[in-house]
Amino acid sequence: MRCYKVDYKIIGHDIQIVEIALDPDEAVNAEAGTMTYLEQDICFETKFGDG
C-alpha cells in the first residue's frame, strides 16, 4: 500500500471543519455523523459496519 500526501485545510476557529482535496479515484473514510457538506459534482458511497 502506498501512502500519498493528503491535501487538506482546517477552516474555522470555534467550530472547525477539515476540507480535503481529492484527486480523481481517491477516497476518504470518515466517522459517522461528521459530514457537514459536499460539493455538487462529488458522489459518495456509504457502508455500514467495518466497511
Protein backbone atom coordinates (compact mmCIF):
# COMPACT_ATOMS: atom_id res chain seq x y z
CA MET A 1 0.00 0.00 0.00
CA ARG A 2 1.40 3.41 -0.97
CA CYS A 3 0.99 6.47 1.20
CA TYR A 4 0.16 9.72 -0.58
CA LYS A 5 0.29 13.29 0.65
CA VAL A 6 -3.19 14.43 1.68
CA ASP A 7 -4.16 17.95 0.61
CA TYR A 8 -6.24 19.43 3.41
CA LYS A 9 -7.10 22.74 5.03
CA ILE A 10 -8.55 23.37 8.52
CA ILE A 11 -11.27 26.03 8.36
CA GLY A 12 -12.82 27.92 11.27
CA HIS A 13 -11.98 28.80 14.84
CA ASP A 14 -14.69 27.79 17.34
CA ILE A 15 -16.25 25.08 15.18
CA GLN A 16 -13.69 23.69 12.74
CA ILE A 17 -14.01 21.60 9.61
CA VAL A 18 -11.35 19.90 7.53
CA GLU A 19 -11.54 20.48 3.78
CA ILE A 20 -9.87 17.64 1.84
CA ALA A 21 -8.92 17.92 -1.84
CA LEU A 22 -9.15 14.55 -3.57
CA ASP A 23 -7.62 13.63 -6.91
CA PRO A 24 -9.68 11.52 -9.34
CA ASP A 25 -10.29 7.99 -7.99
CA GLU A 26 -9.08 8.90 -4.48
CA ALA A 27 -11.27 8.17 -1.45
CA VAL A 28 -11.53 9.20 2.17
CA ASN A 29 -13.01 7.40 5.19
CA ALA A 30 -14.84 9.43 7.84
CA GLU A 31 -16.64 8.71 11.09
CA ALA A 32 -20.44 8.57 11.08
CA GLY A 33 -22.13 11.94 11.54
CA THR A 34 -19.11 14.04 10.60
CA MET A 35 -20.01 15.09 7.04
CA THR A 36 -21.22 18.70 7.04
CA TYR A 37 -21.47 19.39 3.31
CA LEU A 38 -20.22 18.32 -0.10
CA GLU A 39 -19.98 19.96 -3.50
CA GLN A 40 -22.47 19.17 -6.26
CA ASP A 41 -20.03 17.25 -8.51
CA ILE A 42 -18.91 14.82 -5.78
CA CYS A 43 -20.54 11.41 -5.41
CA PHE A 44 -20.14 9.24 -2.34
CA GLU A 45 -20.95 5.74 -1.19
CA THR A 46 -21.80 4.74 2.36
CA LYS A 47 -21.03 1.43 4.06
CA PHE A 48 -22.11 0.24 7.48
CA GLY A 49 -20.17 -1.99 9.81
CA ASP A 50 -16.45 -2.25 9.25
CA GLY A 51 -16.83 -1.32 5.56
